Amino acid sequence: MKRLGSGTVALAALLGAALAAGCSGGDHPSHPGAAGAGGRAAAGAAPQAGPAGALVSYAEQLKRRQAQRVALAKKWGLAEVPLVAPAPPAEKPEITSREGFEVDDGEDLPQVFTTVPTDQRIVFLTIDDGAEKDPELIRMMDELKIPYTAFLSDYLASEDYGYFAAMQKKGVTLNNHTLTHPYLPGLSYAEQKKEICDQQDRIEKHFGKRPVLFRPPYGNYNRDTLVVAKSCGIKAVPLWAEEAFPDHMDWREWDRDLHPGDIVLTHFQGPAQWKGTMADMVRNVMKVITEKGYAVARLEDYV
């Protein structure tokens, strides 16, 4: 069987939902604007009135919307149109620490995980540090409607708070990645508290909202890290299952594949740090995600 393009599949799914909605209302003799005997429209009825007309209008809107998505994918050089993530759950899933990532007596501490529990074919894109401040990234992700979550280190973000404020206005959540990006297990409790809690204060001061998500630099932490994080408002510690670069992917798991709910890491970097721009990285990671039949969802809707 010939494989349909992702844009065709997405439109077909949306039209299917529209058809189901239209059929649920149904034409019935007692329904205003319903078909009369023999299936003919009632005399004087406006063309496309009632559920059938609404369905046609909705289908046309979906076609226009899909055409826009195709055009934007082409504009930004994506290999395929990104798949649309399903609606988030009414209740967020229960998050527990990944096996082997726990700390002693850590049941009441922020949980450390690399994958969010879900059966949906979705992944989450997260971007760390803050070295590269490419305005093209903000435009690209906003136009393509690809959600992502940022984890900022102040020593880099402070070079241009305005850049990240512009990102926040587009709906991006700005989270804690410490003040100076140190190896936390090598620090005392007091030193860790300064790195984590002072960064909470900085983000609240400059962006108006105190983070609830924290990512330790290099993915390294100990029990003190989690105790400190909890003390200044952190609720969860998402790590990652994959890392994206402009020219390749790094995989945590042996099967070198995506899994429902995986968290994908990348960085605010550019030609000075790797072989390509932020836009090149997005093109590469979205090619992998879309070809494997996954959509990008918003992490904060699940955690």
Foldseek 3Di string as FASTA:
>chain_A
DDDDALLVVQLVVVLVVLVVVLVVVPADPVDPQHADPPRHTPPPRDPLPDSSNVSVVVSVVSVVVSVLQQVLCVVLVAPGRFHDFDDFDPDFDDDAADPPLDAPPCPVFAHEYFFGDDQAQAEAEEAEEAQALDVVVLVSCLSSVFAHEYEYAQVRCVVPVPSVLVSVVSPHHYHHAFHHQDQPVVDDLVVLLCRTLVRQVVCCVSNVDGDQEYEYRVNHDHPSNRVSSVVRRHRHYYDFQKEFDLPDIGGNDPVPADDHGGYYYYYNDAPVVHPHGPSSRVSVVSNRSVVVPYHYDHPVSRD
